[in-house]
PDB file of all heavy atoms in Angstrom:
ATOM      1  N   TYR A   1       0.833  -1.205   0.015  1.00  0.00           N
ATOM      2  CA  TYR A   1      -0.026  -0.008  -0.008  1.00  0.00           C
ATOM      3  C   TYR A   1       0.862   1.244  -0.003  1.00  0.00           C
ATOM      4  O   TYR A   1       1.881   1.336   0.724  1.00  0.00           O
ATOM      5  CB  TYR A   1      -0.884   0.061   1.240  1.00  0.00           C
ATOM      6  CG  TYR A   1      -2.025  -0.975   1.242  1.00  0.00           C
ATOM      7  CD1 TYR A   1      -1.887  -2.212   1.879  1.00  0.00           C
ATOM      8  CD2 TYR A   1      -3.237  -0.697   0.571  1.00  0.00           C
ATOM      9  CE1 TYR A   1      -2.905  -3.121   1.849  1.00  0.00           C
ATOM     10  CE2 TYR A   1      -4.276  -1.627   0.612  1.00  0.00           C
ATOM     11  CZ  TYR A   1      -4.092  -2.830   1.235  1.00  0.00           C
ATOM     12  OH  TYR A   1      -5.128  -3.758   1.239  1.00  0.00           O
ATOM     13  N   TYR A   2       0.433   2.241  -0.791  1.00  0.00           N
ATOM     14  CA  TYR A   2       1.147   3.528  -0.816  1.00  0.00           C
ATOM     15  C   TYR A   2       0.112   4.656  -0.752  1.00  0.00           C
ATOM     16  O   TYR A   2      -0.982   4.550  -1.361  1.00  0.00           O
ATOM     17  CB  TYR A   2       1.964   3.675  -2.149  1.00  0.00           C
ATOM     18  CG  TYR A   2       3.184   2.784  -2.155  1.00  0.00           C
ATOM     19  CD1 TYR A   2       3.089   1.492  -2.632  1.00  0.00           C
ATOM     20  CD2 TYR A   2       4.397   3.258  -1.793  1.00  0.00           C
ATOM     21  CE1 TYR A   2       4.194   0.674  -2.689  1.00  0.00           C
ATOM     22  CE2 TYR A   2       5.530   2.450  -1.813  1.00  0.00           C
ATOM     23  CZ  TYR A   2       5.400   1.131  -2.272  1.00  0.00           C
ATOM     24  OH  TYR A   2       6.514   0.326  -2.306  1.00  0.00           O
ATOM     25  N   ILE A   3       0.369   5.668  -0.010  1.00  0.00           N
ATOM     26  CA  ILE A   3      -0.489   6.847   0.128  1.00  0.00           C
ATOM     27  C   ILE A   3       0.228   8.016  -0.576  1.00  0.00           C
ATOM     28  O   ILE A   3       1.390   8.304  -0.312  1.00  0.00           O
ATOM     29  CB  ILE A   3      -0.723   7.254   1.641  1.00  0.00           C
ATOM     30  CG1 ILE A   3      -1.135   6.017   2.400  1.00  0.00           C
ATOM     31  CG2 ILE A   3      -1.778   8.323   1.713  1.00  0.00           C
ATOM     32  CD1 ILE A   3      -2.392   5.323   1.968  1.00  0.00           C
ATOM     33  N   ILE A   4      -0.519   8.644  -1.469  1.00  0.00           N
ATOM     34  CA  ILE A   4       0.027   9.759  -2.259  1.00  0.00           C
ATOM     35  C   ILE A   4      -0.672  11.036  -1.874  1.00  0.00           C
ATOM     36  O   ILE A   4      -1.930  11.088  -1.951  1.00  0.00           O
ATOM     37  CB  ILE A   4      -0.136   9.495  -3.771  1.00  0.00           C
ATOM     38  CG1 ILE A   4       0.735   8.270  -4.169  1.00  0.00           C
ATOM     39  CG2 ILE A   4       0.306  10.691  -4.574  1.00  0.00           C
ATOM     40  CD1 ILE A   4       0.431   7.723  -5.511  1.00  0.00           C
ATOM     41  N   LEU A   5       0.052  12.016  -1.437  1.00  0.00           N
ATOM     42  CA  LEU A   5      -0.478  13.379  -1.151  1.00  0.00           C
ATOM     43  C   LEU A   5       0.197  14.355  -2.085  1.00  0.00           C
ATOM     44  O   LEU A   5       1.464  14.376  -2.204  1.00  0.00           O
ATOM     45  CB  LEU A   5      -0.167  13.723   0.307  1.00  0.00           C
ATOM     46  CG  LEU A   5      -0.666  12.726   1.389  1.00  0.00           C
ATOM     47  CD1 LEU A   5      -0.177  13.153   2.752  1.00  0.00           C
ATOM     48  CD2 LEU A   5      -2.170  12.625   1.382  1.00  0.00           C
ATOM     49  N   ALA A   6      -0.599  15.200  -2.725  1.00  0.00           N
ATOM     50  CA  ALA A   6      -0.021  16.127  -3.715  1.00  0.00           C
ATOM     51  C   ALA A   6      -0.767  17.457  -3.674  1.00  0.00           C
ATOM     52  O   ALA A   6      -1.905  17.538  -3.212  1.00  0.00           O
ATOM     53  CB  ALA A   6      -0.096  15.524  -5.121  1.00  0.00           C
ATOM     54  N   GLY A   7      -0.081  18.505  -4.168  1.00  0.00           N
ATOM     55  CA  GLY A   7      -0.650  19.827  -4.170  1.00  0.00           C
ATOM     56  C   GLY A   7      -0.183  20.713  -3.088  1.00  0.00           C
ATOM     57  O   GLY A   7      -0.654  21.856  -2.956  1.00  0.00           O
ATOM     58  N   MET A   8       0.733  20.273  -2.223  1.00  0.00           N
ATOM     59  CA  MET A   8       1.218  21.056  -1.112  1.00  0.00           C
ATOM     60  C   MET A   8       2.199  22.135  -1.602  1.00  0.00           C
ATOM     61  O   MET A   8       2.712  22.049  -2.709  1.00  0.00           O
ATOM     62  CB  MET A   8       1.869  20.173  -0.031  1.00  0.00           C
ATOM     63  CG  MET A   8       0.951  19.137   0.567  1.00  0.00           C
ATOM     64  SD  MET A   8       0.790  17.645  -0.370  1.00  0.00           S
ATOM     65  CE  MET A   8       2.401  16.895  -0.067  1.00  0.00           C
ATOM     66  N   ASP A   9       2.431  23.086  -0.735  1.00  0.00           N
ATOM     67  CA  ASP A   9       3.437  24.127  -1.037  1.00  0.00           C
ATOM     68  C   ASP A   9       4.791  23.792  -0.506  1.00  0.00           C
ATOM     69  O   ASP A   9       5.813  24.146  -1.071  1.00  0.00           O
ATOM     70  CB  ASP A   9       2.959  25.450  -0.417  1.00  0.00           C
ATOM     71  CG  ASP A   9       3.947  26.579  -0.690  1.00  0.00           C
ATOM     72  OD1 ASP A   9       4.077  27.010  -1.873  1.00  0.00           O
ATOM     73  OD2 ASP A   9       4.551  27.102   0.254  1.00  0.00           O
ATOM     74  N   ARG A  10       4.819  23.110   0.672  1.00  0.00           N
ATOM     75  CA  ARG A  10       6.112  22.742   1.289  1.00  0.00           C
ATOM     76  C   ARG A  10       5.942  21.412   2.017  1.00  0.00           C
ATOM     77  O   ARG A  10       4.993  21.163   2.688  1.00  0.00           O
ATOM     78  CB  ARG A  10       6.488  23.848   2.283  1.00  0.00           C
ATOM     79  CG  ARG A  10       7.861  23.612   2.917  1.00  0.00           C
ATOM     80  CD  ARG A  10       8.217  24.807   3.832  1.00  0.00           C
ATOM     81  NE  ARG A  10       7.458  24.892   5.040  1.00  0.00           N
ATOM     82  CZ  ARG A  10       6.479  25.734   5.216  1.00  0.00           C
ATOM     83  NH1 ARG A  10       6.121  26.588   4.278  1.00  0.00           N
ATOM     84  NH2 ARG A  10       5.776  25.710   6.392  1.00  0.00           N
ATOM     85  N   ILE A  11       6.965  20.543   1.822  1.00  0.00           N
ATOM     86  CA  ILE A  11       7.014  19.246   2.487  1.00  0.00           C
ATOM     87  C   ILE A  11       8.085  19.309   3.560  1.00  0.00           C
ATOM     88  O   ILE A  11       9.192  19.846   3.285  1.00  0.00           O
ATOM     89  CB  ILE A  11       7.288  18.086   1.525  1.00  0.00           C
ATOM     90  CG1 ILE A  11       6.150  17.984   0.488  1.00  0.00           C
ATOM     91  CG2 ILE A  11       7.501  16.772   2.249  1.00  0.00           C
ATOM     92  CD1 ILE A  11       6.379  16.942  -0.565  1.00  0.00           C
ATOM     93  N   ASN A  12       7.822  18.785   4.728  1.00  0.00           N
ATOM     94  CA  ASN A  12       8.799  18.956   5.855  1.00  0.00           C
ATOM     95  C   ASN A  12       9.236  17.585   6.416  1.00  0.00           C
ATOM     96  O   ASN A  12       9.496  17.478   7.631  1.00  0.00           O
ATOM     97  CB  ASN A  12       8.292  19.855   6.969  1.00  0.00           C
ATOM     98  CG  ASN A  12       6.865  19.518   7.394  1.00  0.00           C
ATOM     99  OD1 ASN A  12       6.509  18.360   7.538  1.00  0.00           O
ATOM    100  ND2 ASN A  12       6.050  20.523   7.589  1.00  0.00           N
ATOM    101  N   VAL A  13       9.245  16.546   5.575  1.00  0.00           N
ATOM    102  CA  VAL A  13       9.825  15.279   5.929  1.00  0.00           C
ATOM    103  C   VAL A  13      10.823  14.869   4.825  1.00  0.00           C
ATOM    104  O   VAL A  13      10.786  15.379   3.679  1.00  0.00           O
ATOM    105  CB  VAL A  13       8.746  14.174   6.112  1.00  0.00           C
ATOM    106  CG1 VAL A  13       7.838  14.468   7.259  1.00  0.00           C
ATOM    107  CG2 VAL A  13       7.922  13.998   4.808  1.00  0.00           C
ATOM    108  N   ASN A  14      11.726  13.963   5.144  1.00  0.00           N
ATOM    109  CA  ASN A  14      12.754  13.518   4.217  1.00  0.00           C
ATOM    110  C   ASN A  14      12.471  12.087   3.725  1.00  0.00           C
ATOM    111  O   ASN A  14      11.793  11.317   4.401  1.00  0.00           O
ATOM    112  CB  ASN A  14      14.140  13.518   4.925  1.00  0.00           C
ATOM    113  CG  ASN A  14      14.489  14.875   5.444  1.00  0.00           C
ATOM    114  OD1 ASN A  14      14.141  15.896   4.875  1.00  0.00           O
ATOM    115  ND2 ASN A  14      15.123  14.962   6.606  1.00  0.00           N
ATOM    116  N   VAL A  15      12.996  11.774   2.550  1.00  0.00           N
ATOM    117  CA  VAL A  15      12.889  10.481   1.969  1.00  0.00           C
ATOM    118  C   VAL A  15      13.493   9.430   2.964  1.00  0.00           C
ATOM    119  O   VAL A  15      14.563   9.657   3.496  1.00  0.00           O
ATOM    120  CB  VAL A  15      13.535  10.384   0.628  1.00  0.00           C
ATOM    121  CG1 VAL A  15      13.547   8.960   0.097  1.00  0.00           C
ATOM    122  CG2 VAL A  15      12.849  11.279  -0.364  1.00  0.00           C
ATOM    123  N   GLY A  16      12.821   8.347   3.179  1.00  0.00           N
ATOM    124  CA  GLY A  16      13.299   7.306   4.027  1.00  0.00           C
ATOM    125  C   GLY A  16      12.845   7.474   5.540  1.00  0.00           C
ATOM    126  O   GLY A  16      13.032   6.602   6.340  1.00  0.00           O
ATOM    127  N   GLN A  17      12.331   8.663   5.868  1.00  0.00           N
ATOM    128  CA  GLN A  17      11.917   8.946   7.239  1.00  0.00           C
ATOM    129  C   GLN A  17      10.694   8.182   7.618  1.00  0.00           C
ATOM    130  O   GLN A  17       9.725   8.105   6.872  1.00  0.00           O
ATOM    131  CB  GLN A  17      11.723  10.441   7.431  1.00  0.00           C
ATOM    132  CG  GLN A  17      11.247  10.858   8.806  1.00  0.00           C
ATOM    133  CD  GLN A  17      11.096  12.381   8.871  1.00  0.00           C
ATOM    134  OE1 GLN A  17      11.690  13.121   8.093  1.00  0.00           O
ATOM    135  NE2 GLN A  17      10.290  12.824   9.813  1.00  0.00           N
ATOM    136  N   PHE A  18      10.659   7.597   8.860  1.00  0.00           N
ATOM    137  CA  PHE A  18       9.406   6.958   9.365  1.00  0.00           C
ATOM    138  C   PHE A  18       8.473   8.023   9.889  1.00  0.00           C
ATOM    139  O   PHE A  18       8.908   8.911  10.646  1.00  0.00           O
ATOM    140  CB  PHE A  18       9.748   5.965  10.441  1.00  0.00           C
ATOM    141  CG  PHE A  18       8.511   5.268  11.012  1.00  0.00           C
ATOM    142  CD1 PHE A  18       7.791   4.398  10.200  1.00  0.00           C
ATOM    143  CD2 PHE A  18       8.095   5.572  12.262  1.00  0.00           C
ATOM    144  CE1 PHE A  18       6.649   3.789  10.745  1.00  0.00           C
ATOM    145  CE2 PHE A  18       6.927   4.952  12.803  1.00  0.00           C
ATOM    146  CZ  PHE A  18       6.208   4.060  11.982  1.00  0.00           C
ATOM    147  N   ILE A  19       7.226   7.947   9.534  1.00  0.00           N
ATOM    148  CA  ILE A  19       6.221   8.989   9.863  1.00  0.00           C
ATOM    149  C   ILE A  19       5.129   8.356  10.688  1.00  0.00           C
ATOM    150  O   ILE A  19       4.610   7.263  10.276  1.00  0.00           O
ATOM    151  CB  ILE A  19       5.655   9.645   8.591  1.00  0.00           C
ATOM    152  CG1 ILE A  19       6.781  10.162   7.699  1.00  0.00           C
ATOM    153  CG2 ILE A  19       4.701  10.733   8.923  1.00  0.00           C
ATOM    154  CD1 ILE A  19       6.328  10.512   6.279  1.00  0.00           C
ATOM    155  N   LEU A  20       4.718   9.002  11.702  1.00  0.00           N
ATOM    156  CA  LEU A  20       3.552   8.536  12.497  1.00  0.00           C
ATOM    157  C   LEU A  20       2.283   9.079  11.918  1.00  0.00           C
ATOM    158  O   LEU A  20       2.235  10.172  11.372  1.00  0.00           O
ATOM    159  CB  LEU A  20       3.696   8.997  13.953  1.00  0.00           C
ATOM    160  CG  LEU A  20       4.961   8.541  14.730  1.00  0.00           C
ATOM    161  CD1 LEU A  20       4.899   9.147  16.139  1.00  0.00           C
ATOM    162  CD2 LEU A  20       5.059   7.033  14.800  1.00  0.00           C
ATOM    163  N   ALA A  21       1.204   8.349  12.104  1.00  0.00           N
ATOM    164  CA  ALA A  21      -0.112   8.823  11.753  1.00  0.00           C
ATOM    165  C   ALA A  21      -0.432  10.051  12.577  1.00  0.00           C
ATOM    166  O   ALA A  21      -0.259  10.062  13.747  1.00  0.00           O
ATOM    167  CB  ALA A  21      -1.175   7.754  12.011  1.00  0.00           C
ATOM    168  N   GLY A  22      -0.845  11.124  11.896  1.00  0.00           N
ATOM    169  CA  GLY A  22      -1.167  12.345  12.567  1.00  0.00           C
ATOM    170  C   GLY A  22      -0.003  13.309  12.644  1.00  0.00           C
ATOM    171  O   GLY A  22      -0.186  14.467  13.099  1.00  0.00           O
ATOM    172  N   GLU A  23       1.198  12.896  12.247  1.00  0.00           N
ATOM    173  CA  GLU A  23       2.334  13.785  12.265  1.00  0.00           C
ATOM    174  C   GLU A  23       2.268  14.754  11.098  1.00  0.00           C
ATOM    175  O   GLU A  23       1.866  14.398   9.996  1.00  0.00           O
ATOM    176  CB  GLU A  23       3.654  12.968  12.132  1.00  0.00           C
ATOM    177  CG  GLU A  23       4.550  13.144  13.332  1.00  0.00           C
ATOM    178  CD  GLU A  23       5.921  12.439  13.139  1.00  0.00           C
ATOM    179  OE1 GLU A  23       5.910  11.291  12.674  1.00  0.00           O
ATOM    180  OE2 GLU A  23       6.940  13.085  13.461  1.00  0.00           O
ATOM    181  N   PRO A  24       2.659  16.045  11.288  1.00  0.00           N
ATOM    182  CA  PRO A  24       2.635  16.986  10.212  1.00  0.00           C
ATOM    183  C   PRO A  24       3.710  16.644   9.155  1.00  0.00           C
ATOM    184  O   PRO A  24       4.870  16.445   9.493  1.00  0.00           O
ATOM    185  CB  PRO A  24       2.938  18.321  10.908  1.00  0.00           C
ATOM    186  CG  PRO A  24       3.700  17.952  12.108  1.00  0.00           C
ATOM    187  CD  PRO A  24       3.148  16.612  12.580  1.00  0.00           C
ATOM    188  N   VAL A  25       3.292  16.620   7.896  1.00  0.00           N
ATOM    189  CA  VAL A  25       4.244  16.248   6.837  1.00  0.00           C
ATOM    190  C   VAL A  25       4.390  17.395   5.775  1.00  0.00           C
ATOM    191  O   VAL A  25       5.339  17.397   5.009  1.00  0.00           O
ATOM    192  CB  VAL A  25       3.829  14.933   6.157  1.00  0.00           C
ATOM    193  CG1 VAL A  25       3.952  13.806   7.099  1.00  0.00           C
ATOM    194  CG2 VAL A  25       2.401  15.069   5.590  1.00  0.00           C
TER     195      VAL A  25
END
């Protein structure tokens, strides 16, 4: 499964980083 989010102005996570549900990305 992959989740795709698009249309943002700025992303504040890095490739390979583990992200928690609810964390700002």
